[in-house]
Amino acid sequence: AEKEHLRLHMQKHLRLVMVHVAAALGQPKILSIKDPLLTPLFGHVAALLPARARFITVVRHPYDVLRSRQEVTEKAGRIFTPAEATAVAQE
């Protein structure tokens, strides 16, 4: 019973977050979220939104991912350190 209660609770929160994100983006017909860190959680999200969610995984060359993260870090005004490069590589 507790597991089902938690599932329903999280389902409501996820739907509420999606409603707010969609509203902020002008109510697009398709809401696409790009977040590589969400990929391992696809199964959980699918269980919460079985009829509404679709998932696509894009595999990029590791050098492209590393360079992209470096650009994001530098645009934020921070230095992309060797430790961060190592963490991205391990990810």
C-alpha atoms as a PDB file:
ATOM      1  CA  ALA A   1       0.000   0.000   0.000  1.00  0.00           C
ATOM      2  CA  GLU A   2       2.824   2.430   0.833  1.00  0.00           C
ATOM      3  CA  LYS A   3       4.567   1.742  -2.474  1.00  0.00           C
ATOM      4  CA  GLU A   4       1.378   2.463  -4.426  1.00  0.00           C
ATOM      5  CA  HIS A   5       0.759   5.598  -2.371  1.00  0.00           C
ATOM      6  CA  LEU A   6       4.280   6.836  -3.159  1.00  0.00           C
ATOM      7  CA  ARG A   7       3.794   6.062  -6.874  1.00  0.00           C
ATOM      8  CA  LEU A   8       0.547   8.046  -6.997  1.00  0.00           C
ATOM      9  CA  HIS A   9       2.111  10.889  -5.026  1.00  0.00           C
ATOM     10  CA  MET A  10       5.118  11.094  -7.364  1.00  0.00           C
ATOM     11  CA  GLN A  11       2.859  10.780 -10.411  1.00  0.00           C
ATOM     12  CA  LYS A  12       0.906  13.856  -9.275  1.00  0.00           C
ATOM     13  CA  HIS A  13       4.108  15.831  -8.688  1.00  0.00           C
ATOM     14  CA  LEU A  14       5.572  14.856 -12.045  1.00  0.00           C
ATOM     15  CA  ARG A  15       2.391  15.875 -13.858  1.00  0.00           C
ATOM     16  CA  LEU A  16       2.314  19.181 -11.978  1.00  0.00           C
ATOM     17  CA  VAL A  17       5.932  19.910 -12.911  1.00  0.00           C
ATOM     18  CA  MET A  18       5.192  19.093 -16.544  1.00  0.00           C
ATOM     19  CA  VAL A  19       2.157  21.418 -16.519  1.00  0.00           C
ATOM     20  CA  HIS A  20       4.328  24.260 -15.181  1.00  0.00           C
ATOM     21  CA  VAL A  21       7.136  23.604 -17.674  1.00  0.00           C
ATOM     22  CA  ALA A  22       4.659  23.461 -20.560  1.00  0.00           C
ATOM     23  CA  ALA A  23       3.032  26.716 -19.419  1.00  0.00           C
ATOM     24  CA  ALA A  24       6.428  28.420 -19.236  1.00  0.00           C
ATOM     25  CA  LEU A  25       7.131  27.293 -22.797  1.00  0.00           C
ATOM     26  CA  GLY A  26       3.824  28.496 -24.224  1.00  0.00           C
ATOM     27  CA  GLN A  27       1.934  25.177 -24.143  1.00  0.00           C
ATOM     28  CA  PRO A  28       3.782  23.308 -26.904  1.00  0.00           C
ATOM     29  CA  LYS A  29       2.006  20.321 -28.447  1.00  0.00           C
ATOM     30  CA  ILE A  30       5.045  18.171 -27.666  1.00  0.00           C
ATOM     31  CA  LEU A  31       7.089  18.769 -24.544  1.00  0.00           C
ATOM     32  CA  SER A  32      10.638  17.630 -25.082  1.00  0.00           C
ATOM     33  CA  ILE A  33      13.096  17.600 -22.214  1.00  0.00           C
ATOM     34  CA  LYS A  34      16.787  17.164 -22.978  1.00  0.00           C
ATOM     35  CA  ASP A  35      18.622  15.988 -19.911  1.00  0.00           C
ATOM     36  CA  PRO A  36      21.279  13.280 -20.199  1.00  0.00           C
ATOM     37  CA  LEU A  37      21.138  12.684 -16.460  1.00  0.00           C
ATOM     38  CA  LEU A  38      17.458  11.714 -16.798  1.00  0.00           C
ATOM     39  CA  THR A  39      18.255   8.799 -19.121  1.00  0.00           C
ATOM     40  CA  PRO A  40      18.880   6.237 -16.347  1.00  0.00           C
ATOM     41  CA  LEU A  41      15.501   7.197 -14.862  1.00  0.00           C
ATOM     42  CA  PHE A  42      13.451   6.572 -18.034  1.00  0.00           C
ATOM     43  CA  GLY A  43      11.985   3.394 -16.560  1.00  0.00           C
ATOM     44  CA  HIS A  44      10.717   5.239 -13.491  1.00  0.00           C
ATOM     45  CA  VAL A  45       9.234   8.075 -15.530  1.00  0.00           C
ATOM     46  CA  ALA A  46       7.587   5.583 -17.891  1.00  0.00           C
ATOM     47  CA  ALA A  47       6.005   3.839 -14.917  1.00  0.00           C
ATOM     48  CA  LEU A  48       4.568   7.153 -13.724  1.00  0.00           C
ATOM     49  CA  LEU A  49       3.347   8.289 -17.163  1.00  0.00           C
ATOM     50  CA  PRO A  50       2.765   5.040 -19.076  1.00  0.00           C
ATOM     51  CA  ALA A  51       0.428   6.381 -21.756  1.00  0.00           C
ATOM     52  CA  ARG A  52       1.909   9.854 -22.201  1.00  0.00           C
ATOM     53  CA  ALA A  53       5.695   9.629 -22.200  1.00  0.00           C
ATOM     54  CA  ARG A  54       8.002   8.576 -25.029  1.00  0.00           C
ATOM     55  CA  PHE A  55      11.755   8.328 -24.703  1.00  0.00           C
ATOM     56  CA  ILE A  56      14.607   8.784 -27.140  1.00  0.00           C
ATOM     57  CA  THR A  57      18.241   8.223 -26.301  1.00  0.00           C
ATOM     58  CA  VAL A  58      20.835   9.883 -28.497  1.00  0.00           C
ATOM     59  CA  VAL A  59      24.360   8.551 -28.260  1.00  0.00           C
ATOM     60  CA  ARG A  60      27.016  11.151 -28.948  1.00  0.00           C
ATOM     61  CA  HIS A  61      30.736  10.805 -29.382  1.00  0.00           C
ATOM     62  CA  PRO A  62      32.391  11.279 -25.973  1.00  0.00           C
ATOM     63  CA  TYR A  63      34.558  14.132 -27.268  1.00  0.00           C
ATOM     64  CA  ASP A  64      31.434  16.044 -28.327  1.00  0.00           C
ATOM     65  CA  VAL A  65      29.888  15.569 -24.887  1.00  0.00           C
ATOM     66  CA  LEU A  66      33.066  16.713 -23.152  1.00  0.00           C
ATOM     67  CA  ARG A  67      33.349  19.807 -25.358  1.00  0.00           C
ATOM     68  CA  SER A  68      29.673  20.651 -24.826  1.00  0.00           C
ATOM     69  CA  ARG A  69      30.031  20.471 -21.049  1.00  0.00           C
ATOM     70  CA  GLN A  70      33.163  22.597 -21.247  1.00  0.00           C
ATOM     71  CA  GLU A  71      31.288  25.265 -23.222  1.00  0.00           C
ATOM     72  CA  VAL A  72      28.402  25.295 -20.723  1.00  0.00           C
ATOM     73  CA  THR A  73      30.807  25.632 -17.805  1.00  0.00           C
ATOM     74  CA  GLU A  74      32.760  28.441 -19.462  1.00  0.00           C
ATOM     75  CA  LYS A  75      29.572  30.312 -20.453  1.00  0.00           C
ATOM     76  CA  ALA A  76      28.661  30.247 -16.767  1.00  0.00           C
ATOM     77  CA  GLY A  77      31.954  32.021 -16.071  1.00  0.00           C
ATOM     78  CA  ARG A  78      33.667  29.061 -14.442  1.00  0.00           C
ATOM     79  CA  ILE A  79      36.843  27.208 -15.358  1.00  0.00           C
ATOM     80  CA  PHE A  80      36.392  23.675 -16.677  1.00  0.00           C
ATOM     81  CA  THR A  81      38.844  21.756 -14.542  1.00  0.00           C
ATOM     82  CA  PRO A  82      40.556  18.435 -15.214  1.00  0.00           C
ATOM     83  CA  ALA A  83      38.495  16.979 -12.346  1.00  0.00           C
ATOM     84  CA  GLU A  84      35.286  17.995 -14.116  1.00  0.00           C
ATOM     85  CA  ALA A  85      36.540  16.474 -17.371  1.00  0.00           C
ATOM     86  CA  THR A  86      37.265  13.242 -15.520  1.00  0.00           C
ATOM     87  CA  ALA A  87      33.776  13.250 -13.951  1.00  0.00           C
ATOM     88  CA  VAL A  88      32.140  13.769 -17.367  1.00  0.00           C
ATOM     89  CA  ALA A  89      34.238  10.959 -18.839  1.00  0.00           C
ATOM     90  CA  GLN A  90      33.195   8.588 -16.036  1.00  0.00           C
ATOM     91  CA  GLU A  91      29.560   9.580 -16.421  1.00  0.00           C
END
